[in-house]
Each structure stands twice: as C-alpha cells, then as structure tokens.
PDB file of N, CA and C in Angstrom:
ATOM      1  N   UNK A   1     -43.566  30.812 -25.414  1.00  0.00           N
ATOM      2  CA  UNK A   1     -43.658  30.674 -26.868  1.00  0.00           C
ATOM      3  C   UNK A   1     -45.088  30.303 -27.251  1.00  0.00           C
ATOM      4  N   UNK A   2     -45.590  30.931 -28.251  1.00  0.00           N
ATOM      5  CA  UNK A   2     -46.928  30.637 -28.740  1.00  0.00           C
ATOM      6  C   UNK A   2     -46.929  29.339 -29.531  1.00  0.00           C
ATOM      7  N   UNK A   3     -48.052  28.640 -29.522  1.00  0.00           N
ATOM      8  CA  UNK A   3     -48.170  27.385 -30.257  1.00  0.00           C
ATOM      9  C   UNK A   3     -47.937  27.607 -31.748  1.00  0.00           C
ATOM     10  N   UNK A   4     -48.406  28.734 -32.283  1.00  0.00           N
ATOM     11  CA  UNK A   4     -48.228  28.988 -33.711  1.00  0.00           C
ATOM     12  C   UNK A   4     -46.750  29.180 -34.066  1.00  0.00           C
ATOM     13  N   UNK A   5     -45.948  29.693 -33.122  1.00  0.00           N
ATOM     14  CA  UNK A   5     -44.516  29.830 -33.366  1.00  0.00           C
ATOM     15  C   UNK A   5     -43.856  28.462 -33.466  1.00  0.00           C
ATOM     16  N   UNK A   6     -44.290  27.539 -32.607  1.00  0.00           N
ATOM     17  CA  UNK A   6     -43.702  26.202 -32.599  1.00  0.00           C
ATOM     18  C   UNK A   6     -44.072  25.418 -33.855  1.00  0.00           C
ATOM     19  N   UNK A   7     -45.171  25.784 -34.480  1.00  0.00           N
ATOM     20  CA  UNK A   7     -45.652  25.029 -35.631  1.00  0.00           C
ATOM     21  C   UNK A   7     -45.592  25.843 -36.917  1.00  0.00           C
ATOM     22  N   UNK A   8     -44.677  26.792 -36.995  1.00  0.00           N
ATOM     23  CA  UNK A   8     -44.659  27.655 -38.172  1.00  0.00           C
ATOM     24  C   UNK A   8     -44.261  26.880 -39.418  1.00  0.00           C
ATOM     25  N   UNK A   9     -44.705  27.376 -40.555  1.00  0.00           N
ATOM     26  CA  UNK A   9     -44.382  26.752 -41.838  1.00  0.00           C
ATOM     27  C   UNK A   9     -42.936  27.038 -42.208  1.00  0.00           C
ATOM     28  N   UNK A  10     -42.274  26.058 -42.825  1.00  0.00           N
ATOM     29  CA  UNK A  10     -40.891  26.275 -43.255  1.00  0.00           C
ATOM     30  C   UNK A  10     -40.809  27.307 -44.387  1.00  0.00           C
ATOM     31  N   UNK A  11     -39.693  28.001 -44.437  1.00  0.00           N
ATOM     32  CA  UNK A  11     -39.378  28.946 -45.504  1.00  0.00           C
ATOM     33  C   UNK A  11     -38.087  28.493 -46.183  1.00  0.00           C
ATOM     34  N   UNK A  12     -37.827  29.019 -47.362  1.00  0.00           N
ATOM     35  CA  UNK A  12     -36.589  28.684 -48.074  1.00  0.00           C
ATOM     36  C   UNK A  12     -35.393  28.993 -47.183  1.00  0.00           C
ATOM     37  N   UNK A  13     -34.435  28.075 -47.164  1.00  0.00           N
ATOM     38  CA  UNK A  13     -33.194  28.108 -46.374  1.00  0.00           C
ATOM     39  C   UNK A  13     -33.392  27.779 -44.899  1.00  0.00           C
ATOM     40  N   UNK A  14     -34.612  27.437 -44.475  1.00  0.00           N
ATOM     41  CA  UNK A  14     -34.818  26.955 -43.108  1.00  0.00           C
ATOM     42  C   UNK A  14     -34.270  25.536 -42.991  1.00  0.00           C
ATOM     43  N   UNK A  15     -33.770  25.214 -41.806  1.00  0.00           N
ATOM     44  CA  UNK A  15     -33.427  23.833 -41.492  1.00  0.00           C
ATOM     45  C   UNK A  15     -34.689  23.162 -40.990  1.00  0.00           C
ATOM     46  N   UNK A  16     -34.956  21.952 -41.501  1.00  0.00           N
ATOM     47  CA  UNK A  16     -36.119  21.185 -41.072  1.00  0.00           C
ATOM     48  C   UNK A  16     -35.692  19.773 -40.700  1.00  0.00           C
ATOM     49  N   UNK A  17     -36.435  19.185 -39.771  1.00  0.00           N
ATOM     50  CA  UNK A  17     -36.170  17.813 -39.335  1.00  0.00           C
ATOM     51  C   UNK A  17     -37.244  16.907 -39.916  1.00  0.00           C
ATOM     52  N   UNK A  18     -36.837  15.787 -40.463  1.00  0.00           N
ATOM     53  CA  UNK A  18     -37.744  14.804 -41.042  1.00  0.00           C
ATOM     54  C   UNK A  18     -38.518  14.109 -39.928  1.00  0.00           C
ATOM     55  N   UNK A  19     -39.836  14.015 -40.057  1.00  0.00           N
ATOM     56  CA  UNK A  19     -40.669  13.414 -39.017  1.00  0.00           C
ATOM     57  C   UNK A  19     -41.061  11.969 -39.319  1.00  0.00           C
ATOM     58  N   UNK A  20     -40.657  11.471 -40.462  1.00  0.00           N
ATOM     59  CA  UNK A  20     -40.998  10.094 -40.846  1.00  0.00           C
ATOM     60  C   UNK A  20     -39.891   9.521 -41.723  1.00  0.00           C
ATOM     61  N   UNK A  21     -39.734   8.228 -41.720  1.00  0.00           N
ATOM     62  CA  UNK A  21     -38.759   7.564 -42.599  1.00  0.00           C
ATOM     63  C   UNK A  21     -39.224   7.635 -44.045  1.00  0.00           C
ATOM     64  N   UNK A  22     -38.266   7.758 -44.958  1.00  0.00           N
ATOM     65  CA  UNK A  22     -38.545   7.651 -46.391  1.00  0.00           C
ATOM     66  C   UNK A  22     -37.548   6.625 -46.942  1.00  0.00           C
ATOM     67  N   UNK A  23     -37.881   5.336 -46.819  1.00  0.00           N
ATOM     68  CA  UNK A  23     -36.937   4.277 -47.185  1.00  0.00           C
ATOM     69  C   UNK A  23     -36.524   4.287 -48.653  1.00  0.00           C
ATOM     70  N   UNK A  24     -37.408   4.771 -49.528  1.00  0.00           N
ATOM     71  CA  UNK A  24     -37.073   4.811 -50.959  1.00  0.00           C
ATOM     72  C   UNK A  24     -35.865   5.702 -51.234  1.00  0.00           C
ATOM     73  N   UNK A  25     -35.623   6.666 -50.354  1.00  0.00           N
ATOM     74  CA  UNK A  25     -34.499   7.596 -50.522  1.00  0.00           C
ATOM     75  C   UNK A  25     -33.428   7.400 -49.445  1.00  0.00           C
ATOM     76  N   UNK A  26     -33.570   6.338 -48.645  1.00  0.00           N
ATOM     77  CA  UNK A  26     -32.642   6.043 -47.544  1.00  0.00           C
ATOM     78  C   UNK A  26     -32.564   7.201 -46.553  1.00  0.00           C
ATOM     79  N   UNK A  27     -33.695   7.873 -46.322  1.00  0.00           N
ATOM     80  CA  UNK A  27     -33.770   8.955 -45.343  1.00  0.00           C
ATOM     81  C   UNK A  27     -34.512   8.444 -44.114  1.00  0.00           C
ATOM     82  N   UNK A  28     -33.981   8.754 -42.937  1.00  0.00           N
ATOM     83  CA  UNK A  28     -34.614   8.279 -41.717  1.00  0.00           C
ATOM     84  C   UNK A  28     -35.103   9.441 -40.864  1.00  0.00           C
ATOM     85  N   UNK A  29     -36.137   9.169 -40.112  1.00  0.00           N
ATOM     86  CA  UNK A  29     -36.737  10.163 -39.219  1.00  0.00           C
ATOM     87  C   UNK A  29     -35.653  10.800 -38.361  1.00  0.00           C
ATOM     88  N   UNK A  30     -35.715  12.135 -38.241  1.00  0.00           N
ATOM     89  CA  UNK A  30     -34.749  12.853 -37.422  1.00  0.00           C
ATOM     90  C   UNK A  30     -33.643  13.518 -38.218  1.00  0.00           C
ATOM     91  N   UNK A  31     -33.465  13.123 -39.482  1.00  0.00           N
ATOM     92  CA  UNK A  31     -32.430  13.770 -40.296  1.00  0.00           C
ATOM     93  C   UNK A  31     -32.806  15.222 -40.547  1.00  0.00           C
ATOM     94  N   UNK A  32     -31.776  16.061 -40.651  1.00  0.00           N
ATOM     95  CA  UNK A  32     -31.979  17.490 -40.853  1.00  0.00           C
ATOM     96  C   UNK A  32     -31.604  17.852 -42.286  1.00  0.00           C
ATOM     97  N   UNK A  33     -32.463  18.645 -42.928  1.00  0.00           N
ATOM     98  CA  UNK A  33     -32.204  19.111 -44.290  1.00  0.00           C
ATOM     99  C   UNK A  33     -32.516  20.592 -44.396  1.00  0.00           C
ATOM    100  N   UNK A  34     -32.287  21.127 -45.592  1.00  0.00           N
ATOM    101  CA  UNK A  34     -32.502  22.548 -45.859  1.00  0.00           C
ATOM    102  C   UNK A  34     -33.596  22.688 -46.918  1.00  0.00           C
ATOM    103  N   UNK A  35     -34.577  23.546 -46.647  1.00  0.00           N
ATOM    104  CA  UNK A  35     -35.643  23.799 -47.621  1.00  0.00           C
ATOM    105  C   UNK A  35     -35.051  24.594 -48.778  1.00  0.00           C
ATOM    106  N   UNK A  36     -35.203  24.069 -49.997  1.00  0.00           N
ATOM    107  CA  UNK A  36     -34.675  24.734 -51.187  1.00  0.00           C
ATOM    108  C   UNK A  36     -35.762  25.398 -52.022  1.00  0.00           C
ATOM    109  N   UNK A  37     -37.005  24.916 -51.936  1.00  0.00           N
ATOM    110  CA  UNK A  37     -38.108  25.567 -52.638  1.00  0.00           C
ATOM    111  C   UNK A  37     -39.428  25.140 -52.007  1.00  0.00           C
ATOM    112  N   UNK A  38     -40.463  25.932 -52.258  1.00  0.00           N
ATOM    113  CA  UNK A  38     -41.799  25.646 -51.758  1.00  0.00           C
ATOM    114  C   UNK A  38     -42.750  25.548 -52.943  1.00  0.00           C
ATOM    115  N   UNK A  39     -43.581  24.535 -52.930  1.00  0.00           N
ATOM    116  CA  UNK A  39     -44.583  24.319 -53.969  1.00  0.00           C
ATOM    117  C   UNK A  39     -45.952  24.576 -53.370  1.00  0.00           C
ATOM    118  N   UNK A  40     -46.854  25.198 -54.132  1.00  0.00           N
ATOM    119  CA  UNK A  40     -48.170  25.543 -53.610  1.00  0.00           C
ATOM    120  C   UNK A  40     -49.323  24.884 -54.355  1.00  0.00           C
ATOM    121  N   UNK A  41     -49.074  24.232 -55.478  1.00  0.00           N
ATOM    122  CA  UNK A  41     -50.172  23.614 -56.230  1.00  0.00           C
ATOM    123  C   UNK A  41     -49.761  22.222 -56.688  1.00  0.00           C
ATOM    124  N   UNK A  42     -50.583  21.243 -56.598  1.00  0.00           N
ATOM    125  CA  UNK A  42     -51.965  21.289 -56.140  1.00  0.00           C
ATOM    126  C   UNK A  42     -52.090  21.404 -54.612  1.00  0.00           C
ATOM    127  N   UNK A  43     -51.017  21.102 -53.867  1.00  0.00           N
ATOM    128  CA  UNK A  43     -51.033  21.314 -52.418  1.00  0.00           C
ATOM    129  C   UNK A  43     -49.627  21.735 -52.000  1.00  0.00           C
ATOM    130  N   UNK A  44     -49.489  22.213 -50.777  1.00  0.00           N
ATOM    131  CA  UNK A  44     -48.199  22.694 -50.302  1.00  0.00           C
ATOM    132  C   UNK A  44     -47.223  21.535 -50.125  1.00  0.00           C
ATOM    133  N   UNK A  45     -46.002  21.745 -50.611  1.00  0.00           N
ATOM    134  CA  UNK A  45     -44.924  20.768 -50.448  1.00  0.00           C
ATOM    135  C   UNK A  45     -43.605  21.530 -50.410  1.00  0.00           C
ATOM    136  N   UNK A  46     -42.592  20.893 -49.827  1.00  0.00           N
ATOM    137  CA  UNK A  46     -41.278  21.524 -49.687  1.00  0.00           C
ATOM    138  C   UNK A  46     -40.216  20.636 -50.313  1.00  0.00           C
ATOM    139  N   UNK A  47     -39.382  21.248 -51.156  1.00  0.00           N
ATOM    140  CA  UNK A  47     -38.228  20.526 -51.695  1.00  0.00           C
ATOM    141  C   UNK A  47     -37.108  20.710 -50.679  1.00  0.00           C
ATOM    142  N   UNK A  48     -36.669  19.596 -50.093  1.00  0.00           N
ATOM    143  CA  UNK A  48     -35.680  19.632 -49.017  1.00  0.00           C
ATOM    144  C   UNK A  48     -34.440  18.864 -49.447  1.00  0.00           C
ATOM    145  N   UNK A  49     -33.284  19.473 -49.193  1.00  0.00           N
ATOM    146  CA  UNK A  49     -31.996  18.869 -49.536  1.00  0.00           C
ATOM    147  C   UNK A  49     -31.350  18.302 -48.276  1.00  0.00           C
ATOM    148  N   UNK A  50     -30.959  17.028 -48.338  1.00  0.00           N
ATOM    149  CA  UNK A  50     -30.308  16.346 -47.221  1.00  0.00           C
ATOM    150  C   UNK A  50     -28.883  15.977 -47.613  1.00  0.00           C
ATOM    151  N   UNK A  51     -27.946  16.186 -46.695  1.00  0.00           N
ATOM    152  CA  UNK A  51     -26.555  15.747 -46.861  1.00  0.00           C
ATOM    153  C   UNK A  51     -26.321  14.665 -45.819  1.00  0.00           C
ATOM    154  N   UNK A  52     -26.232  13.430 -46.265  1.00  0.00           N
ATOM    155  CA  UNK A  52     -26.079  12.324 -45.335  1.00  0.00           C
ATOM    156  C   UNK A  52     -24.608  12.100 -45.006  1.00  0.00           C
ATOM    157  N   UNK A  53     -24.339  11.803 -43.740  1.00  0.00           N
ATOM    158  CA  UNK A  53     -22.974  11.564 -43.273  1.00  0.00           C
ATOM    159  C   UNK A  53     -22.392  10.372 -44.025  1.00  0.00           C
ATOM    160  N   UNK A  54     -21.177  10.553 -44.522  1.00  0.00           N
ATOM    161  CA  UNK A  54     -20.499   9.480 -45.223  1.00  0.00           C
ATOM    162  C   UNK A  54     -20.756   9.445 -46.724  1.00  0.00           C
ATOM    163  N   UNK A  55     -21.584  10.344 -47.220  1.00  0.00           N
ATOM    164  CA  UNK A  55     -21.874  10.400 -48.654  1.00  0.00           C
ATOM    165  C   UNK A  55     -21.362  11.723 -49.218  1.00  0.00           C
ATOM    166  N   UNK A  56     -20.890  11.685 -50.459  1.00  0.00           N
ATOM    167  CA  UNK A  56     -20.399  12.912 -51.084  1.00  0.00           C
ATOM    168  C   UNK A  56     -21.427  13.506 -52.046  1.00  0.00           C
ATOM    169  N   UNK A  57     -22.680  13.172 -51.847  1.00  0.00           N
ATOM    170  CA  UNK A  57     -23.766  13.717 -52.663  1.00  0.00           C
ATOM    171  C   UNK A  57     -24.922  14.094 -51.748  1.00  0.00           C
ATOM    172  N   UNK A  58     -25.860  14.871 -52.266  1.00  0.00           N
ATOM    173  CA  UNK A  58     -27.043  15.227 -51.504  1.00  0.00           C
ATOM    174  C   UNK A  58     -28.265  14.536 -52.097  1.00  0.00           C
ATOM    175  N   UNK A  59     -29.268  14.415 -51.275  1.00  0.00           N
ATOM    176  CA  UNK A  59     -30.539  13.838 -51.689  1.00  0.00           C
ATOM    177  C   UNK A  59     -31.602  14.912 -51.543  1.00  0.00           C
ATOM    178  N   UNK A  60     -32.409  15.100 -52.576  1.00  0.00           N
ATOM    179  CA  UNK A  60     -33.521  16.053 -52.509  1.00  0.00           C
ATOM    180  C   UNK A  60     -34.829  15.280 -52.525  1.00  0.00           C
ATOM    181  N   UNK A  61     -35.748  15.740 -51.680  1.00  0.00           N
ATOM    182  CA  UNK A  61     -37.052  15.091 -51.577  1.00  0.00           C
ATOM    183  C   UNK A  61     -38.137  16.153 -51.560  1.00  0.00           C
ATOM    184  N   UNK A  62     -39.258  15.856 -52.179  1.00  0.00           N
ATOM    185  CA  UNK A  62     -40.432  16.727 -52.150  1.00  0.00           C
ATOM    186  C   UNK A  62     -41.326  16.206 -51.025  1.00  0.00           C
ATOM    187  N   UNK A  63     -41.470  17.004 -49.961  1.00  0.00           N
ATOM    188  CA  UNK A  63     -42.119  16.542 -48.746  1.00  0.00           C
ATOM    189  C   UNK A  63     -43.362  17.355 -48.413  1.00  0.00           C
ATOM    190  N   UNK A  64     -44.322  16.694 -47.821  1.00  0.00           N
ATOM    191  CA  UNK A  64     -45.546  17.341 -47.363  1.00  0.00           C
ATOM    192  C   UNK A  64     -45.309  18.001 -46.004  1.00  0.00           C
ATOM    193  N   UNK A  65     -46.128  18.984 -45.645  1.00  0.00           N
ATOM    194  CA  UNK A  65     -45.926  19.691 -44.376  1.00  0.00           C
ATOM    195  C   UNK A  65     -45.855  18.767 -43.156  1.00  0.00           C
ATOM    196  N   UNK A  66     -46.633  17.692 -43.144  1.00  0.00           N
ATOM    197  CA  UNK A  66     -46.620  16.791 -41.989  1.00  0.00           C
ATOM    198  C   UNK A  66     -45.359  15.923 -41.908  1.00  0.00           C
ATOM    199  N   UNK A  67     -44.522  15.960 -42.949  1.00  0.00           N
ATOM    200  CA  UNK A  67     -43.300  15.172 -42.951  1.00  0.00           C
ATOM    201  C   UNK A  67     -42.076  15.937 -42.441  1.00  0.00           C
ATOM    202  N   UNK A  68     -42.244  17.227 -42.150  1.00  0.00           N
ATOM    203  CA  UNK A  68     -41.121  18.040 -41.674  1.00  0.00           C
ATOM    204  C   UNK A  68     -41.552  18.941 -40.525  1.00  0.00           C
ATOM    205  N   UNK A  69     -40.594  19.306 -39.696  1.00  0.00           N
ATOM    206  CA  UNK A  69     -40.829  20.328 -38.676  1.00  0.00           C
ATOM    207  C   UNK A  69     -39.629  21.263 -38.694  1.00  0.00           C
ATOM    208  N   UNK A  70     -39.891  22.550 -38.511  1.00  0.00           N
ATOM    209  CA  UNK A  70     -38.835  23.557 -38.544  1.00  0.00           C
ATOM    210  C   UNK A  70     -37.907  23.333 -37.366  1.00  0.00           C
ATOM    211  N   UNK A  71     -36.621  23.346 -37.630  1.00  0.00           N
ATOM    212  CA  UNK A  71     -35.598  23.182 -36.598  1.00  0.00           C
ATOM    213  C   UNK A  71     -35.133  24.561 -36.176  1.00  0.00           C
ATOM    214  N   UNK A  72     -35.549  24.970 -34.991  1.00  0.00           N
ATOM    215  CA  UNK A  72     -35.192  26.287 -34.471  1.00  0.00           C
ATOM    216  C   UNK A  72     -33.905  26.192 -33.665  1.00  0.00           C
ATOM    217  N   UNK A  73     -33.213  27.294 -33.563  1.00  0.00           N
ATOM    218  CA  UNK A  73     -32.016  27.340 -32.728  1.00  0.00           C
ATOM    219  C   UNK A  73     -30.789  26.803 -33.442  1.00  0.00           C
ATOM    220  N   UNK A  74     -29.759  26.547 -32.660  1.00  0.00           N
ATOM    221  CA  UNK A  74     -28.466  26.135 -33.184  1.00  0.00           C
ATOM    222  C   UNK A  74     -28.471  24.673 -33.609  1.00  0.00           C
ATOM    223  N   UNK A  75     -27.815  24.401 -34.712  1.00  0.00           N
ATOM    224  CA  UNK A  75     -27.638  23.020 -35.154  1.00  0.00           C
ATOM    225  C   UNK A  75     -26.298  22.470 -34.689  1.00  0.00           C
ATOM    226  N   UNK A  76     -25.540  23.242 -33.925  1.00  0.00           N
ATOM    227  CA  UNK A  76     -24.237  22.769 -33.477  1.00  0.00           C
ATOM    228  C   UNK A  76     -24.360  21.492 -32.666  1.00  0.00           C
ATOM    229  N   UNK A  77     -25.437  21.346 -31.916  1.00  0.00           N
ATOM    230  CA  UNK A  77     -25.648  20.131 -31.143  1.00  0.00           C
ATOM    231  C   UNK A  77     -25.722  18.928 -32.066  1.00  0.00           C
ATOM    232  N   UNK A  78     -26.406  19.073 -33.195  1.00  0.00           N
ATOM    233  CA  UNK A  78     -26.518  17.982 -34.167  1.00  0.00           C
ATOM    234  C   UNK A  78     -25.144  17.679 -34.753  1.00  0.00           C
ATOM    235  N   UNK A  79     -24.390  18.716 -35.118  1.00  0.00           N
ATOM    236  CA  UNK A  79     -23.066  18.517 -35.693  1.00  0.00           C
ATOM    237  C   UNK A  79     -22.131  17.883 -34.677  1.00  0.00           C
ATOM    238  N   UNK A  80     -22.184  18.339 -33.414  1.00  0.00           N
ATOM    239  CA  UNK A  80     -21.342  17.767 -32.370  1.00  0.00           C
ATOM    240  C   UNK A  80     -21.667  16.300 -32.162  1.00  0.00           C
ATOM    241  N   UNK A  81     -22.951  15.959 -32.178  1.00  0.00           N
ATOM    242  CA  UNK A  81     -23.363  14.576 -32.020  1.00  0.00           C
ATOM    243  C   UNK A  81     -22.815  13.722 -33.156  1.00  0.00           C
ATOM    244  N   UNK A  82     -22.888  14.219 -34.394  1.00  0.00           N
ATOM    245  CA  UNK A  82     -22.363  13.481 -35.543  1.00  0.00           C
ATOM    246  C   UNK A  82     -20.862  13.279 -35.402  1.00  0.00           C
ATOM    247  N   UNK A  83     -20.139  14.306 -34.958  1.00  0.00           N
ATOM    248  CA  UNK A  83     -18.690  14.193 -34.764  1.00  0.00           C
ATOM    249  C   UNK A  83     -18.382  13.166 -33.680  1.00  0.00           C
ATOM    250  N   UNK A  84     -19.166  13.132 -32.606  1.00  0.00           N
ATOM    251  CA  UNK A  84     -18.965  12.156 -31.535  1.00  0.00           C
ATOM    252  C   UNK A  84     -19.185  10.735 -32.042  1.00  0.00           C
ATOM    253  N   UNK A  85     -20.194  10.544 -32.908  1.00  0.00           N
ATOM    254  CA  UNK A  85     -20.451   9.221 -33.471  1.00  0.00           C
ATOM    255  C   UNK A  85     -19.272   8.762 -34.303  1.00  0.00           C
ATOM    256  N   UNK A  86     -18.730   9.647 -35.135  1.00  0.00           N
ATOM    257  CA  UNK A  86     -17.575   9.301 -35.976  1.00  0.00           C
ATOM    258  C   UNK A  86     -16.385   8.960 -35.101  1.00  0.00           C
ATOM    259  N   UNK A  87     -16.115   9.754 -34.064  1.00  0.00           N
ATOM    260  CA  UNK A  87     -15.000   9.477 -33.150  1.00  0.00           C
ATOM    261  C   UNK A  87     -15.186   8.128 -32.478  1.00  0.00           C
ATOM    262  N   UNK A  88     -16.397   7.831 -32.037  1.00  0.00           N
ATOM    263  CA  UNK A  88     -16.676   6.560 -31.385  1.00  0.00           C
ATOM    264  C   UNK A  88     -16.441   5.405 -32.342  1.00  0.00           C
ATOM    265  N   UNK A  89     -16.872   5.546 -33.590  1.00  0.00           N
ATOM    266  CA  UNK A  89     -16.660   4.499 -34.582  1.00  0.00           C
ATOM    267  C   UNK A  89     -15.179   4.269 -34.810  1.00  0.00           C
ATOM    268  N   UNK A  90     -14.379   5.342 -34.843  1.00  0.00           N
ATOM    269  CA  UNK A  90     -12.946   5.199 -35.037  1.00  0.00           C
ATOM    270  C   UNK A  90     -12.312   4.466 -33.862  1.00  0.00           C
ATOM    271  N   UNK A  91     -12.713   4.809 -32.659  1.00  0.00           N
ATOM    272  CA  UNK A  91     -12.162   4.156 -31.467  1.00  0.00           C
ATOM    273  C   UNK A  91     -12.507   2.678 -31.461  1.00  0.00           C
ATOM    274  N   UNK A  92     -13.759   2.359 -31.771  1.00  0.00           N
ATOM    275  CA  UNK A  92     -14.192   0.949 -31.793  1.00  0.00           C
ATOM    276  C   UNK A  92     -13.453   0.193 -32.881  1.00  0.00           C
ATOM    277  N   UNK A  93     -13.274   0.795 -34.048  1.00  0.00           N
ATOM    278  CA  UNK A  93     -12.578   0.154 -35.155  1.00  0.00           C
ATOM    279  C   UNK A  93     -11.111  -0.099 -34.801  1.00  0.00           C
ATOM    280  N   UNK A  94     -10.469   0.886 -34.196  1.00  0.00           N
ATOM    281  CA  UNK A  94      -9.062   0.732 -33.814  1.00  0.00           C
ATOM    282  C   UNK A  94      -8.876  -0.310 -32.737  1.00  0.00           C
ATOM    283  N   UNK A  95      -9.889  -0.502 -31.881  1.00  0.00           N
ATOM    284  CA  UNK A  95      -9.796  -1.449 -30.789  1.00  0.00           C
ATOM    285  C   UNK A  95      -9.869  -2.904 -31.294  1.00  0.00           C
ATOM    286  N   UNK A  96     -10.433  -3.088 -32.468  1.00  0.00           N
ATOM    287  CA  UNK A  96     -10.592  -4.463 -33.008  1.00  0.00           C
ATOM    288  C   UNK A  96      -9.494  -4.812 -33.900  1.00  0.00           C
TER     289      UNK A  96
END
C-alpha cells in the first residue's frame, strides 16, 4: 500500500475515526463517525456525524483534517466489539 493511500482525504459517506478527544461534545478518541459534508473555506474541514452507544441521538462536529483518519475496510470488528461490551456489562450487572 502506498503512503498516500493510507493518508487519503475523507470523502462524503466515508467512515472516519476520531484522532483526538473533543470533551465539549463528549466525543473520545477512537470513535467512528460518517463524513456528511466537506468545507473548503477558509480551510478544509469535515462535518462528521457520530452515533454514540446508548444514546438515541447523533452528534455532529466540524473537524479539521488532523482530527480524523479514514477508516478503511470492514467496520464489523467495531460493531462486534461494541456488542461484546454490552454483553459483558449485562453479565456483570446480572452477577451483582
């Protein structure tokens, strides 16, 4: 894989991973969102929509290129991990 492929710019409907915490929006590094729009002036920015586990609403953030990285490949691993966390929480809760 070429370095430029690994560092490509996000496009609309791409999945991106947050590279830094944004405490004002309760978003933490590693969360995955979907690019909904791209802004080019005065500088490049991406409007990204996040659906946080346990919430029935989405959060949108306007992020700079250094705050996101394109998530290539399947997201099933992320979904499976989230399902495992929920199952673990249920087991721990039932045990107490």
